[in-house]
């Protein structure tokens, strides 16, 4: 696993940062992968992939996958 700078991802309201698995999922979100594609890549269910994406959006305080991807790239996470 690559060494990601996770410090910017703290949500001031919850104080929670992304887990290693969420960072892994975020990498695929940045690549434009769907939940189905992420599930196949990580050998998890589509439901689990969707749950990770939802958690990422909440923790990053963004409304959608595009905003999460843009924020990750702008902040140097990916």
N, C-alpha and C. Protein backbone atom coordinates (compact mmCIF):
# COMPACT_ATOMS: atom_id res chain seq x y z
N UNK A 1 0.85 -1.18 0.00
CA UNK A 1 0.00 0.00 0.00
C UNK A 1 0.89 1.24 0.00
N UNK A 2 0.48 2.22 -0.80
CA UNK A 2 1.23 3.46 -0.87
C UNK A 2 1.05 4.23 0.42
N UNK A 3 2.01 5.14 0.69
CA UNK A 3 1.94 5.95 1.89
C UNK A 3 1.13 7.20 1.57
N UNK A 4 -0.09 7.29 2.09
CA UNK A 4 -0.97 8.40 1.81
C UNK A 4 -0.92 9.40 2.95
N UNK A 5 -1.02 10.68 2.60
CA UNK A 5 -1.13 11.73 3.59
C UNK A 5 -2.59 11.86 3.98
N UNK A 6 -2.94 11.33 5.11
CA UNK A 6 -4.34 11.25 5.54
C UNK A 6 -4.74 12.40 6.45
N UNK A 7 -3.82 13.30 6.80
CA UNK A 7 -4.12 14.31 7.81
C UNK A 7 -5.20 15.28 7.38
N UNK A 8 -5.28 15.64 6.10
CA UNK A 8 -6.26 16.62 5.66
C UNK A 8 -7.68 16.07 5.69
N UNK A 9 -7.84 14.76 5.81
CA UNK A 9 -9.15 14.16 5.69
C UNK A 9 -9.93 14.12 7.00
N UNK A 10 -9.42 14.76 8.01
CA UNK A 10 -10.17 14.80 9.26
C UNK A 10 -11.39 15.68 9.09
N UNK A 11 -12.53 15.16 9.41
CA UNK A 11 -13.78 15.92 9.40
C UNK A 11 -13.90 16.59 10.76
N UNK A 12 -13.93 17.89 10.76
CA UNK A 12 -13.95 18.63 12.02
C UNK A 12 -15.15 18.27 12.91
N UNK A 13 -16.25 17.86 12.28
CA UNK A 13 -17.44 17.52 13.07
C UNK A 13 -17.29 16.15 13.73
N UNK A 14 -16.70 15.20 13.03
CA UNK A 14 -16.64 13.84 13.58
C UNK A 14 -15.27 13.50 14.13
N UNK A 15 -14.22 14.17 13.64
CA UNK A 15 -12.87 13.87 14.08
C UNK A 15 -12.35 12.55 13.55
N UNK A 16 -13.02 11.99 12.54
CA UNK A 16 -12.62 10.69 12.02
C UNK A 16 -11.84 10.84 10.72
N UNK A 17 -10.79 10.04 10.56
CA UNK A 17 -10.04 10.05 9.32
C UNK A 17 -10.34 8.75 8.56
N UNK A 18 -9.95 8.71 7.31
CA UNK A 18 -10.21 7.53 6.48
C UNK A 18 -9.36 6.35 6.94
N UNK A 19 -9.96 5.18 6.87
CA UNK A 19 -9.24 3.94 7.17
C UNK A 19 -8.36 3.58 5.97
N UNK A 20 -7.48 2.63 6.16
CA UNK A 20 -6.64 2.16 5.05
C UNK A 20 -7.51 1.62 3.91
N UNK A 21 -8.57 0.90 4.24
CA UNK A 21 -9.45 0.35 3.22
C UNK A 21 -10.17 1.46 2.47
N UNK A 22 -10.62 2.47 3.21
CA UNK A 22 -11.28 3.60 2.57
C UNK A 22 -10.33 4.34 1.64
N UNK A 23 -9.08 4.46 2.03
CA UNK A 23 -8.08 5.08 1.15
C UNK A 23 -7.91 4.25 -0.12
N UNK A 24 -7.94 2.95 0.04
CA UNK A 24 -7.83 2.05 -1.10
C UNK A 24 -9.03 2.25 -2.04
N UNK A 25 -10.21 2.34 -1.47
CA UNK A 25 -11.42 2.57 -2.26
C UNK A 25 -11.37 3.95 -2.91
N UNK A 26 -10.91 4.95 -2.19
CA UNK A 26 -10.80 6.30 -2.73
C UNK A 26 -9.91 6.33 -3.96
N UNK A 27 -8.85 5.54 -3.94
CA UNK A 27 -7.96 5.47 -5.11
C UNK A 27 -8.75 5.07 -6.35
N UNK A 28 -9.65 4.09 -6.21
CA UNK A 28 -10.47 3.65 -7.33
C UNK A 28 -11.52 4.70 -7.70
N UNK A 29 -12.04 5.42 -6.72
CA UNK A 29 -12.99 6.50 -7.01
C UNK A 29 -12.29 7.57 -7.86
N UNK A 30 -11.08 7.91 -7.49
CA UNK A 30 -10.31 8.90 -8.26
C UNK A 30 -10.09 8.42 -9.68
N UNK A 31 -9.93 7.12 -9.86
CA UNK A 31 -9.74 6.54 -11.19
C UNK A 31 -11.05 6.47 -11.98
N UNK A 32 -12.16 6.83 -11.35
CA UNK A 32 -13.46 6.84 -12.02
C UNK A 32 -14.16 5.50 -12.04
N UNK A 33 -13.75 4.58 -11.17
CA UNK A 33 -14.36 3.25 -11.11
C UNK A 33 -15.73 3.30 -10.44
N UNK A 34 -16.63 2.46 -10.90
CA UNK A 34 -17.96 2.33 -10.29
C UNK A 34 -17.86 1.44 -9.05
N UNK A 35 -18.94 1.40 -8.27
CA UNK A 35 -18.96 0.52 -7.11
C UNK A 35 -18.78 -0.94 -7.52
N UNK A 36 -19.38 -1.32 -8.64
CA UNK A 36 -19.24 -2.70 -9.14
C UNK A 36 -17.80 -3.00 -9.49
N UNK A 37 -17.14 -2.07 -10.15
CA UNK A 37 -15.73 -2.26 -10.53
C UNK A 37 -14.83 -2.30 -9.30
N UNK A 38 -15.11 -1.43 -8.34
CA UNK A 38 -14.34 -1.43 -7.09
C UNK A 38 -14.51 -2.76 -6.37
N UNK A 39 -15.73 -3.25 -6.31
CA UNK A 39 -16.01 -4.53 -5.64
C UNK A 39 -15.22 -5.66 -6.30
N UNK A 40 -15.21 -5.70 -7.61
CA UNK A 40 -14.46 -6.75 -8.31
C UNK A 40 -12.97 -6.64 -8.05
N UNK A 41 -12.43 -5.43 -8.07
CA UNK A 41 -11.00 -5.22 -7.84
C UNK A 41 -10.58 -5.65 -6.43
N UNK A 42 -11.41 -5.36 -5.45
CA UNK A 42 -11.06 -5.61 -4.05
C UNK A 42 -11.64 -6.90 -3.50
N UNK A 43 -12.37 -7.62 -4.36
CA UNK A 43 -12.97 -8.89 -3.94
C UNK A 43 -13.90 -8.71 -2.74
N UNK A 44 -14.76 -7.69 -2.85
CA UNK A 44 -15.76 -7.42 -1.83
C UNK A 44 -17.12 -7.32 -2.53
N UNK A 45 -18.19 -7.28 -1.78
CA UNK A 45 -19.51 -7.14 -2.39
C UNK A 45 -19.72 -5.70 -2.84
N UNK A 46 -20.66 -5.53 -3.77
CA UNK A 46 -21.00 -4.19 -4.23
C UNK A 46 -21.57 -3.37 -3.07
N UNK A 47 -22.34 -4.03 -2.22
CA UNK A 47 -22.90 -3.36 -1.04
C UNK A 47 -21.78 -2.81 -0.14
N UNK A 48 -20.74 -3.60 0.07
CA UNK A 48 -19.61 -3.16 0.90
C UNK A 48 -18.86 -2.02 0.23
N UNK A 49 -18.67 -2.09 -1.07
CA UNK A 49 -18.01 -1.01 -1.81
C UNK A 49 -18.81 0.29 -1.65
N UNK A 50 -20.13 0.18 -1.80
CA UNK A 50 -20.99 1.35 -1.66
C UNK A 50 -20.91 1.92 -0.24
N UNK A 51 -20.87 1.05 0.75
CA UNK A 51 -20.76 1.50 2.14
C UNK A 51 -19.45 2.26 2.37
N UNK A 52 -18.36 1.76 1.80
CA UNK A 52 -17.07 2.46 1.92
C UNK A 52 -17.14 3.83 1.25
N UNK A 53 -17.72 3.89 0.06
CA UNK A 53 -17.83 5.17 -0.65
C UNK A 53 -18.67 6.15 0.16
N UNK A 54 -19.77 5.71 0.72
CA UNK A 54 -20.62 6.58 1.54
C UNK A 54 -19.87 7.10 2.76
N UNK A 55 -19.10 6.24 3.38
CA UNK A 55 -18.31 6.65 4.54
C UNK A 55 -17.24 7.67 4.13
N UNK A 56 -16.62 7.45 2.99
CA UNK A 56 -15.61 8.39 2.48
C UNK A 56 -16.23 9.76 2.25
N UNK A 57 -17.38 9.80 1.60
CA UNK A 57 -18.05 11.07 1.32
C UNK A 57 -18.36 11.82 2.60
N UNK A 58 -18.86 11.09 3.59
CA UNK A 58 -19.19 11.71 4.87
C UNK A 58 -17.93 12.24 5.55
N UNK A 59 -16.90 11.44 5.63
CA UNK A 59 -15.67 11.85 6.32
C UNK A 59 -14.96 12.99 5.61
N UNK A 60 -15.06 13.03 4.29
CA UNK A 60 -14.41 14.11 3.54
C UNK A 60 -15.29 15.35 3.44
N UNK A 61 -16.52 15.25 3.94
CA UNK A 61 -17.48 16.36 3.94
C UNK A 61 -17.74 16.86 2.52
N UNK A 62 -17.99 15.91 1.61
CA UNK A 62 -18.34 16.24 0.23
C UNK A 62 -19.66 15.56 -0.12
N UNK A 63 -20.27 16.00 -1.23
CA UNK A 63 -21.59 15.51 -1.59
C UNK A 63 -21.59 14.36 -2.57
N UNK A 64 -20.50 14.19 -3.33
CA UNK A 64 -20.49 13.13 -4.33
C UNK A 64 -19.07 12.66 -4.64
N UNK A 65 -18.99 11.61 -5.46
CA UNK A 65 -17.72 10.98 -5.80
C UNK A 65 -16.77 11.94 -6.51
N UNK A 66 -17.34 12.78 -7.37
CA UNK A 66 -16.50 13.72 -8.12
C UNK A 66 -15.84 14.70 -7.16
N UNK A 67 -16.60 15.22 -6.22
CA UNK A 67 -16.02 16.14 -5.24
C UNK A 67 -14.95 15.45 -4.40
N UNK A 68 -15.19 14.20 -4.04
CA UNK A 68 -14.19 13.45 -3.27
C UNK A 68 -12.91 13.27 -4.07
N UNK A 69 -13.05 12.92 -5.34
CA UNK A 69 -11.88 12.72 -6.20
C UNK A 69 -11.11 14.02 -6.37
N UNK A 70 -11.82 15.11 -6.63
CA UNK A 70 -11.17 16.41 -6.81
C UNK A 70 -10.44 16.82 -5.53
N UNK A 71 -11.10 16.65 -4.39
CA UNK A 71 -10.47 17.03 -3.11
C UNK A 71 -9.23 16.18 -2.85
N UNK A 72 -9.31 14.89 -3.11
CA UNK A 72 -8.17 13.99 -2.89
C UNK A 72 -6.98 14.41 -3.75
N UNK A 73 -7.24 14.75 -5.01
CA UNK A 73 -6.15 15.15 -5.91
C UNK A 73 -5.61 16.51 -5.51
N UNK A 74 -6.48 17.47 -5.26
CA UNK A 74 -6.05 18.83 -4.90
C UNK A 74 -5.23 18.86 -3.62
N UNK A 75 -5.60 17.99 -2.69
CA UNK A 75 -4.90 17.96 -1.40
C UNK A 75 -3.67 17.06 -1.41
N UNK A 76 -3.39 16.46 -2.58
CA UNK A 76 -2.18 15.65 -2.70
C UNK A 76 -2.28 14.25 -2.12
N UNK A 77 -3.51 13.79 -1.86
CA UNK A 77 -3.66 12.46 -1.29
C UNK A 77 -3.36 11.37 -2.32
N UNK A 78 -3.74 11.62 -3.54
CA UNK A 78 -3.55 10.64 -4.61
C UNK A 78 -2.50 11.13 -5.58
